[in-house]
Each structure stands twice: as structure tokens, then as C-alpha cells.
């Protein structure tokens, strides 16, 4: 599982990097859509204060896609560490 980057990339890219472990090549599209639809902003405008709301939407969407609740919990836990 990837750790959050500390080399100056933005929060959006950190979220995508975590998601990539779970969603593979569709991660960027999935995360971008969540941000645009639910936060009403562009992905590169994602801020730390947006993270809790974004995580709630991602958790809801992922729960519909993944049957294993532990996988969802692990993903959400990694996002919360950002």
C-alpha cells in the first residue's frame, strides 16, 4: 500500500495514489469524479478541509462496489492518514 507523498505533490495526487492500490488504472477518473460531483470543485483545488467529506463519498461508493468491509475500512483508514 502506498504511503502519502511528501515531495510536493498535491493532496489530490496523494488521494489518487492511495486509490490506485484498490482501483488500479481507473483511480484518477474515480477520484476526479467524486471531487467534481460531490465537492463541486476541480481536483487540483482539493484541500485538507475537504478530505472528510470526500472520504465519506468515497466510502459510500466503494461500499457499493466492494463486498469486503475490511477492504473498505483499510482504504478509508489510509485516506484519513493523509
PDB file of N, CA and C in Angstrom:
ATOM      1  N   UNK A   1       0.834  -1.171   0.000  1.00  0.00           N
ATOM      2  CA  UNK A   1       0.000   0.000   0.000  1.00  0.00           C
ATOM      3  C   UNK A   1       0.883   1.240   0.000  1.00  0.00           C
ATOM      4  N   UNK A   2       0.572   2.202  -0.851  1.00  0.00           N
ATOM      5  CA  UNK A   2       1.424   3.373  -0.964  1.00  0.00           C
ATOM      6  C   UNK A   2       1.260   4.321   0.207  1.00  0.00           C
ATOM      7  N   UNK A   3       2.335   4.959   0.538  1.00  0.00           N
ATOM      8  CA  UNK A   3       2.290   5.980   1.572  1.00  0.00           C
ATOM      9  C   UNK A   3       2.050   7.320   0.908  1.00  0.00           C
ATOM     10  N   UNK A   4       1.596   8.283   1.676  1.00  0.00           N
ATOM     11  CA  UNK A   4       1.386   9.621   1.139  1.00  0.00           C
ATOM     12  C   UNK A   4       2.723  10.211   0.729  1.00  0.00           C
ATOM     13  N   UNK A   5       2.715  10.948  -0.354  1.00  0.00           N
ATOM     14  CA  UNK A   5       3.958  11.543  -0.827  1.00  0.00           C
ATOM     15  C   UNK A   5       4.296  12.776  -0.024  1.00  0.00           C
ATOM     16  N   UNK A   6       5.553  13.065   0.043  1.00  0.00           N
ATOM     17  CA  UNK A   6       5.999  14.264   0.738  1.00  0.00           C
ATOM     18  C   UNK A   6       6.893  15.095  -0.175  1.00  0.00           C
ATOM     19  N   UNK A   7       6.861  14.816  -1.460  1.00  0.00           N
ATOM     20  CA  UNK A   7       7.761  15.503  -2.372  1.00  0.00           C
ATOM     21  C   UNK A   7       7.092  16.670  -3.082  1.00  0.00           C
ATOM     22  N   UNK A   8       6.077  17.281  -2.473  1.00  0.00           N
ATOM     23  CA  UNK A   8       5.470  18.466  -3.043  1.00  0.00           C
ATOM     24  C   UNK A   8       4.268  18.208  -3.934  1.00  0.00           C
ATOM     25  N   UNK A   9       3.856  16.973  -4.120  1.00  0.00           N
ATOM     26  CA  UNK A   9       2.656  16.743  -4.923  1.00  0.00           C
ATOM     27  C   UNK A   9       1.452  17.197  -4.126  1.00  0.00           C
ATOM     28  N   UNK A  10       0.365  17.476  -4.800  1.00  0.00           N
ATOM     29  CA  UNK A  10      -0.798  17.987  -4.092  1.00  0.00           C
ATOM     30  C   UNK A  10      -1.618  16.865  -3.459  1.00  0.00           C
ATOM     31  N   UNK A  11      -2.556  17.271  -2.648  1.00  0.00           N
ATOM     32  CA  UNK A  11      -3.403  16.324  -1.917  1.00  0.00           C
ATOM     33  C   UNK A  11      -4.185  15.424  -2.863  1.00  0.00           C
ATOM     34  N   UNK A  12      -4.661  15.997  -3.948  1.00  0.00           N
ATOM     35  CA  UNK A  12      -5.389  15.200  -4.945  1.00  0.00           C
ATOM     36  C   UNK A  12      -4.543  14.022  -5.413  1.00  0.00           C
ATOM     37  N   UNK A  13      -3.302  14.271  -5.739  1.00  0.00           N
ATOM     38  CA  UNK A  13      -2.433  13.196  -6.226  1.00  0.00           C
ATOM     39  C   UNK A  13      -2.179  12.161  -5.132  1.00  0.00           C
ATOM     40  N   UNK A  14      -2.089  12.602  -3.891  1.00  0.00           N
ATOM     41  CA  UNK A  14      -1.928  11.669  -2.776  1.00  0.00           C
ATOM     42  C   UNK A  14      -3.139  10.747  -2.655  1.00  0.00           C
ATOM     43  N   UNK A  15      -4.339  11.316  -2.806  1.00  0.00           N
ATOM     44  CA  UNK A  15      -5.566  10.518  -2.746  1.00  0.00           C
ATOM     45  C   UNK A  15      -5.584   9.509  -3.893  1.00  0.00           C
ATOM     46  N   UNK A  16      -5.234   9.962  -5.086  1.00  0.00           N
ATOM     47  CA  UNK A  16      -5.191   9.068  -6.249  1.00  0.00           C
ATOM     48  C   UNK A  16      -4.170   7.950  -6.021  1.00  0.00           C
ATOM     49  N   UNK A  17      -3.034   8.274  -5.449  1.00  0.00           N
ATOM     50  CA  UNK A  17      -2.002   7.258  -5.202  1.00  0.00           C
ATOM     51  C   UNK A  17      -2.502   6.177  -4.255  1.00  0.00           C
ATOM     52  N   UNK A  18      -3.239   6.563  -3.231  1.00  0.00           N
ATOM     53  CA  UNK A  18      -3.819   5.571  -2.316  1.00  0.00           C
ATOM     54  C   UNK A  18      -4.873   4.745  -3.056  1.00  0.00           C
ATOM     55  N   UNK A  19      -5.717   5.418  -3.813  1.00  0.00           N
ATOM     56  CA  UNK A  19      -6.790   4.730  -4.542  1.00  0.00           C
ATOM     57  C   UNK A  19      -6.241   3.757  -5.579  1.00  0.00           C
ATOM     58  N   UNK A  20      -5.092   4.050  -6.131  1.00  0.00           N
ATOM     59  CA  UNK A  20      -4.522   3.210  -7.186  1.00  0.00           C
ATOM     60  C   UNK A  20      -4.324   1.766  -6.715  1.00  0.00           C
ATOM     61  N   UNK A  21      -4.011   1.580  -5.459  1.00  0.00           N
ATOM     62  CA  UNK A  21      -3.847   0.228  -4.912  1.00  0.00           C
ATOM     63  C   UNK A  21      -5.157  -0.558  -4.996  1.00  0.00           C
ATOM     64  N   UNK A  22      -6.274   0.133  -4.818  1.00  0.00           N
ATOM     65  CA  UNK A  22      -7.583  -0.510  -4.772  1.00  0.00           C
ATOM     66  C   UNK A  22      -8.302  -0.521  -6.122  1.00  0.00           C
ATOM     67  N   UNK A  23      -8.120   0.518  -6.917  1.00  0.00           N
ATOM     68  CA  UNK A  23      -8.872   0.662  -8.167  1.00  0.00           C
ATOM     69  C   UNK A  23      -8.016   0.580  -9.428  1.00  0.00           C
ATOM     70  N   UNK A  24      -6.724   0.523  -9.273  1.00  0.00           N
ATOM     71  CA  UNK A  24      -5.862   0.410 -10.438  1.00  0.00           C
ATOM     72  C   UNK A  24      -5.949   1.614 -11.356  1.00  0.00           C
ATOM     73  N   UNK A  25      -5.948   1.361 -12.668  1.00  0.00           N
ATOM     74  CA  UNK A  25      -5.865   2.451 -13.637  1.00  0.00           C
ATOM     75  C   UNK A  25      -7.082   3.389 -13.689  1.00  0.00           C
ATOM     76  N   UNK A  26      -8.186   3.025 -13.089  1.00  0.00           N
ATOM     77  CA  UNK A  26      -9.354   3.916 -13.098  1.00  0.00           C
ATOM     78  C   UNK A  26      -9.376   4.866 -11.894  1.00  0.00           C
ATOM     79  N   UNK A  27      -8.359   4.812 -11.070  1.00  0.00           N
ATOM     80  CA  UNK A  27      -8.320   5.607  -9.839  1.00  0.00           C
ATOM     81  C   UNK A  27      -8.469   7.100 -10.074  1.00  0.00           C
ATOM     82  N   UNK A  28      -7.703   7.630 -11.005  1.00  0.00           N
ATOM     83  CA  UNK A  28      -7.749   9.073 -11.234  1.00  0.00           C
ATOM     84  C   UNK A  28      -9.147   9.509 -11.689  1.00  0.00           C
ATOM     85  N   UNK A  29      -9.738   8.748 -12.574  1.00  0.00           N
ATOM     86  CA  UNK A  29     -11.080   9.070 -13.053  1.00  0.00           C
ATOM     87  C   UNK A  29     -12.105   8.976 -11.921  1.00  0.00           C
ATOM     88  N   UNK A  30     -12.007   7.940 -11.115  1.00  0.00           N
ATOM     89  CA  UNK A  30     -12.928   7.747  -9.991  1.00  0.00           C
ATOM     90  C   UNK A  30     -12.826   8.901  -8.991  1.00  0.00           C
ATOM     91  N   UNK A  31     -11.611   9.234  -8.580  1.00  0.00           N
ATOM     92  CA  UNK A  31     -11.409  10.290  -7.584  1.00  0.00           C
ATOM     93  C   UNK A  31     -11.811  11.650  -8.152  1.00  0.00           C
ATOM     94  N   UNK A  32     -11.439  11.917  -9.389  1.00  0.00           N
ATOM     95  CA  UNK A  32     -11.817  13.187 -10.027  1.00  0.00           C
ATOM     96  C   UNK A  32     -13.331  13.355 -10.059  1.00  0.00           C
ATOM     97  N   UNK A  33     -14.008  12.297 -10.412  1.00  0.00           N
ATOM     98  CA  UNK A  33     -15.471  12.351 -10.480  1.00  0.00           C
ATOM     99  C   UNK A  33     -16.075  12.616  -9.106  1.00  0.00           C
ATOM    100  N   UNK A  34     -15.556  11.966  -8.071  1.00  0.00           N
ATOM    101  CA  UNK A  34     -16.061  12.177  -6.714  1.00  0.00           C
ATOM    102  C   UNK A  34     -15.888  13.637  -6.301  1.00  0.00           C
ATOM    103  N   UNK A  35     -14.742  14.203  -6.608  1.00  0.00           N
ATOM    104  CA  UNK A  35     -14.458  15.594  -6.234  1.00  0.00           C
ATOM    105  C   UNK A  35     -15.374  16.553  -6.997  1.00  0.00           C
ATOM    106  N   UNK A  36     -15.474  16.359  -8.288  1.00  0.00           N
ATOM    107  CA  UNK A  36     -16.297  17.263  -9.103  1.00  0.00           C
ATOM    108  C   UNK A  36     -17.783  17.160  -8.733  1.00  0.00           C
ATOM    109  N   UNK A  37     -18.280  15.946  -8.582  1.00  0.00           N
ATOM    110  CA  UNK A  37     -19.708  15.734  -8.315  1.00  0.00           C
ATOM    111  C   UNK A  37     -20.127  16.175  -6.922  1.00  0.00           C
ATOM    112  N   UNK A  38     -19.322  15.812  -5.931  1.00  0.00           N
ATOM    113  CA  UNK A  38     -19.757  15.995  -4.550  1.00  0.00           C
ATOM    114  C   UNK A  38     -19.172  17.224  -3.862  1.00  0.00           C
ATOM    115  N   UNK A  39     -17.998  17.644  -4.289  1.00  0.00           N
ATOM    116  CA  UNK A  39     -17.387  18.826  -3.676  1.00  0.00           C
ATOM    117  C   UNK A  39     -17.546  20.070  -4.543  1.00  0.00           C
ATOM    118  N   UNK A  40     -17.988  19.853  -5.797  1.00  0.00           N
ATOM    119  CA  UNK A  40     -18.212  20.961  -6.731  1.00  0.00           C
ATOM    120  C   UNK A  40     -16.954  21.808  -6.944  1.00  0.00           C
ATOM    121  N   UNK A  41     -15.828  21.119  -7.128  1.00  0.00           N
ATOM    122  CA  UNK A  41     -14.578  21.818  -7.403  1.00  0.00           C
ATOM    123  C   UNK A  41     -13.704  20.958  -8.296  1.00  0.00           C
ATOM    124  N   UNK A  42     -12.679  21.552  -8.821  1.00  0.00           N
ATOM    125  CA  UNK A  42     -11.725  20.822  -9.648  1.00  0.00           C
ATOM    126  C   UNK A  42     -10.778  20.038  -8.737  1.00  0.00           C
ATOM    127  N   UNK A  43     -10.324  18.882  -9.196  1.00  0.00           N
ATOM    128  CA  UNK A  43      -9.449  18.050  -8.367  1.00  0.00           C
ATOM    129  C   UNK A  43      -8.208  18.766  -7.831  1.00  0.00           C
ATOM    130  N   UNK A  44      -7.598  19.624  -8.635  1.00  0.00           N
ATOM    131  CA  UNK A  44      -6.386  20.304  -8.172  1.00  0.00           C
ATOM    132  C   UNK A  44      -6.673  21.377  -7.121  1.00  0.00           C
ATOM    133  N   UNK A  45      -7.960  21.612  -6.826  1.00  0.00           N
ATOM    134  CA  UNK A  45      -8.354  22.559  -5.784  1.00  0.00           C
ATOM    135  C   UNK A  45      -8.657  21.859  -4.455  1.00  0.00           C
ATOM    136  N   UNK A  46      -8.474  20.544  -4.406  1.00  0.00           N
ATOM    137  CA  UNK A  46      -8.753  19.782  -3.195  1.00  0.00           C
ATOM    138  C   UNK A  46      -7.869  20.278  -2.054  1.00  0.00           C
ATOM    139  N   UNK A  47      -8.501  20.506  -0.911  1.00  0.00           N
ATOM    140  CA  UNK A  47      -7.782  20.965   0.272  1.00  0.00           C
ATOM    141  C   UNK A  47      -8.013  20.009   1.424  1.00  0.00           C
ATOM    142  N   UNK A  48      -7.152  20.097   2.415  1.00  0.00           N
ATOM    143  CA  UNK A  48      -7.245  19.233   3.589  1.00  0.00           C
ATOM    144  C   UNK A  48      -8.638  19.307   4.222  1.00  0.00           C
ATOM    145  N   UNK A  49      -9.220  20.496   4.236  1.00  0.00           N
ATOM    146  CA  UNK A  49     -10.549  20.664   4.854  1.00  0.00           C
ATOM    147  C   UNK A  49     -11.646  19.921   4.096  1.00  0.00           C
ATOM    148  N   UNK A  50     -11.394  19.561   2.828  1.00  0.00           N
ATOM    149  CA  UNK A  50     -12.359  18.827   2.006  1.00  0.00           C
ATOM    150  C   UNK A  50     -12.281  17.316   2.223  1.00  0.00           C
ATOM    151  N   UNK A  51     -11.215  16.873   2.828  1.00  0.00           N
ATOM    152  CA  UNK A  51     -10.919  15.449   2.880  1.00  0.00           C
ATOM    153  C   UNK A  51     -11.992  14.619   3.586  1.00  0.00           C
ATOM    154  N   UNK A  52     -12.508  15.079   4.703  1.00  0.00           N
ATOM    155  CA  UNK A  52     -13.523  14.300   5.447  1.00  0.00           C
ATOM    156  C   UNK A  52     -14.766  14.064   4.593  1.00  0.00           C
ATOM    157  N   UNK A  53     -15.240  15.108   3.935  1.00  0.00           N
ATOM    158  CA  UNK A  53     -16.428  14.966   3.087  1.00  0.00           C
ATOM    159  C   UNK A  53     -16.138  14.043   1.904  1.00  0.00           C
ATOM    160  N   UNK A  54     -14.972  14.210   1.291  1.00  0.00           N
ATOM    161  CA  UNK A  54     -14.588  13.351   0.167  1.00  0.00           C
ATOM    162  C   UNK A  54     -14.504  11.894   0.608  1.00  0.00           C
ATOM    163  N   UNK A  55     -13.912  11.650   1.748  1.00  0.00           N
ATOM    164  CA  UNK A  55     -13.781  10.279   2.261  1.00  0.00           C
ATOM    165  C   UNK A  55     -15.159   9.660   2.476  1.00  0.00           C
ATOM    166  N   UNK A  56     -16.103  10.423   2.989  1.00  0.00           N
ATOM    167  CA  UNK A  56     -17.456   9.891   3.178  1.00  0.00           C
ATOM    168  C   UNK A  56     -18.077   9.455   1.858  1.00  0.00           C
ATOM    169  N   UNK A  57     -17.923  10.262   0.813  1.00  0.00           N
ATOM    170  CA  UNK A  57     -18.471   9.909  -0.502  1.00  0.00           C
ATOM    171  C   UNK A  57     -17.739   8.708  -1.102  1.00  0.00           C
ATOM    172  N   UNK A  58     -16.428   8.691  -0.948  1.00  0.00           N
ATOM    173  CA  UNK A  58     -15.653   7.558  -1.471  1.00  0.00           C
ATOM    174  C   UNK A  58     -16.047   6.275  -0.751  1.00  0.00           C
ATOM    175  N   UNK A  59     -16.218   6.357   0.560  1.00  0.00           N
ATOM    176  CA  UNK A  59     -16.617   5.184   1.344  1.00  0.00           C
ATOM    177  C   UNK A  59     -17.963   4.652   0.870  1.00  0.00           C
ATOM    178  N   UNK A  60     -18.908   5.552   0.644  1.00  0.00           N
ATOM    179  CA  UNK A  60     -20.228   5.147   0.163  1.00  0.00           C
ATOM    180  C   UNK A  60     -20.121   4.457  -1.200  1.00  0.00           C
ATOM    181  N   UNK A  61     -19.410   5.072  -2.115  1.00  0.00           N
ATOM    182  CA  UNK A  61     -19.260   4.499  -3.459  1.00  0.00           C
ATOM    183  C   UNK A  61     -18.533   3.156  -3.406  1.00  0.00           C
ATOM    184  N   UNK A  62     -17.479   3.100  -2.629  1.00  0.00           N
ATOM    185  CA  UNK A  62     -16.703   1.862  -2.551  1.00  0.00           C
ATOM    186  C   UNK A  62     -17.515   0.739  -1.905  1.00  0.00           C
ATOM    187  N   UNK A  63     -18.341   1.082  -0.945  1.00  0.00           N
ATOM    188  CA  UNK A  63     -19.176   0.075  -0.285  1.00  0.00           C
ATOM    189  C   UNK A  63     -20.157  -0.577  -1.254  1.00  0.00           C
ATOM    190  N   UNK A  64     -20.549   0.177  -2.276  1.00  0.00           N
ATOM    191  CA  UNK A  64     -21.437  -0.374  -3.304  1.00  0.00           C
ATOM    192  C   UNK A  64     -20.691  -1.291  -4.269  1.00  0.00           C
ATOM    193  N   UNK A  65     -19.382  -1.091  -4.379  1.00  0.00           N
ATOM    194  CA  UNK A  65     -18.573  -1.841  -5.342  1.00  0.00           C
ATOM    195  C   UNK A  65     -17.838  -3.037  -4.751  1.00  0.00           C
ATOM    196  N   UNK A  66     -17.533  -2.960  -3.466  1.00  0.00           N
ATOM    197  CA  UNK A  66     -16.696  -3.969  -2.818  1.00  0.00           C
ATOM    198  C   UNK A  66     -17.469  -4.628  -1.681  1.00  0.00           C
ATOM    199  N   UNK A  67     -17.555  -5.919  -1.710  1.00  0.00           N
ATOM    200  CA  UNK A  67     -18.296  -6.646  -0.677  1.00  0.00           C
ATOM    201  C   UNK A  67     -17.532  -6.774   0.638  1.00  0.00           C
ATOM    202  N   UNK A  68     -16.221  -6.773   0.578  1.00  0.00           N
ATOM    203  CA  UNK A  68     -15.390  -6.978   1.763  1.00  0.00           C
ATOM    204  C   UNK A  68     -15.274  -5.678   2.567  1.00  0.00           C
ATOM    205  N   UNK A  69     -15.975  -5.617   3.678  1.00  0.00           N
ATOM    206  CA  UNK A  69     -15.994  -4.423   4.521  1.00  0.00           C
ATOM    207  C   UNK A  69     -14.609  -4.063   5.059  1.00  0.00           C
ATOM    208  N   UNK A  70     -13.776  -5.059   5.282  1.00  0.00           N
ATOM    209  CA  UNK A  70     -12.419  -4.796   5.782  1.00  0.00           C
ATOM    210  C   UNK A  70     -11.581  -4.039   4.751  1.00  0.00           C
ATOM    211  N   UNK A  71     -11.784  -4.330   3.493  1.00  0.00           N
ATOM    212  CA  UNK A  71     -11.068  -3.626   2.429  1.00  0.00           C
ATOM    213  C   UNK A  71     -11.494  -2.156   2.418  1.00  0.00           C
ATOM    214  N   UNK A  72     -12.783  -1.912   2.562  1.00  0.00           N
ATOM    215  CA  UNK A  72     -13.296  -0.546   2.603  1.00  0.00           C
ATOM    216  C   UNK A  72     -12.711   0.187   3.807  1.00  0.00           C
ATOM    217  N   UNK A  73     -12.709  -0.443   4.966  1.00  0.00           N
ATOM    218  CA  UNK A  73     -12.148   0.165   6.180  1.00  0.00           C
ATOM    219  C   UNK A  73     -10.669   0.500   6.018  1.00  0.00           C
ATOM    220  N   UNK A  74      -9.938  -0.414   5.408  1.00  0.00           N
ATOM    221  CA  UNK A  74      -8.499  -0.198   5.201  1.00  0.00           C
ATOM    222  C   UNK A  74      -8.268   0.997   4.271  1.00  0.00           C
ATOM    223  N   UNK A  75      -9.029   1.063   3.189  1.00  0.00           N
ATOM    224  CA  UNK A  75      -8.908   2.162   2.240  1.00  0.00           C
ATOM    225  C   UNK A  75      -9.226   3.492   2.910  1.00  0.00           C
ATOM    226  N   UNK A  76     -10.335   3.548   3.628  1.00  0.00           N
ATOM    227  CA  UNK A  76     -10.729   4.766   4.334  1.00  0.00           C
ATOM    228  C   UNK A  76      -9.667   5.151   5.367  1.00  0.00           C
ATOM    229  N   UNK A  77      -9.138   4.175   6.065  1.00  0.00           N
ATOM    230  CA  UNK A  77      -8.090   4.461   7.061  1.00  0.00           C
ATOM    231  C   UNK A  77      -6.855   5.071   6.428  1.00  0.00           C
ATOM    232  N   UNK A  78      -6.477   4.591   5.272  1.00  0.00           N
ATOM    233  CA  UNK A  78      -5.323   5.161   4.574  1.00  0.00           C
ATOM    234  C   UNK A  78      -5.602   6.590   4.131  1.00  0.00           C
ATOM    235  N   UNK A  79      -6.803   6.837   3.656  1.00  0.00           N
ATOM    236  CA  UNK A  79      -7.152   8.192   3.241  1.00  0.00           C
ATOM    237  C   UNK A  79      -7.150   9.158   4.424  1.00  0.00           C
ATOM    238  N   UNK A  80      -7.613   8.695   5.569  1.00  0.00           N
ATOM    239  CA  UNK A  80      -7.642   9.550   6.761  1.00  0.00           C
ATOM    240  C   UNK A  80      -6.248   9.938   7.235  1.00  0.00           C
ATOM    241  N   UNK A  81      -5.255   9.126   6.884  1.00  0.00           N
ATOM    242  CA  UNK A  81      -3.872   9.439   7.279  1.00  0.00           C
ATOM    243  C   UNK A  81      -3.251  10.552   6.446  1.00  0.00           C
ATOM    244  N   UNK A  82      -3.905  10.895   5.346  1.00  0.00           N
ATOM    245  CA  UNK A  82      -3.379  11.979   4.512  1.00  0.00           C
ATOM    246  C   UNK A  82      -3.605  13.296   5.214  1.00  0.00           C
TER     247      UNK A  82
END
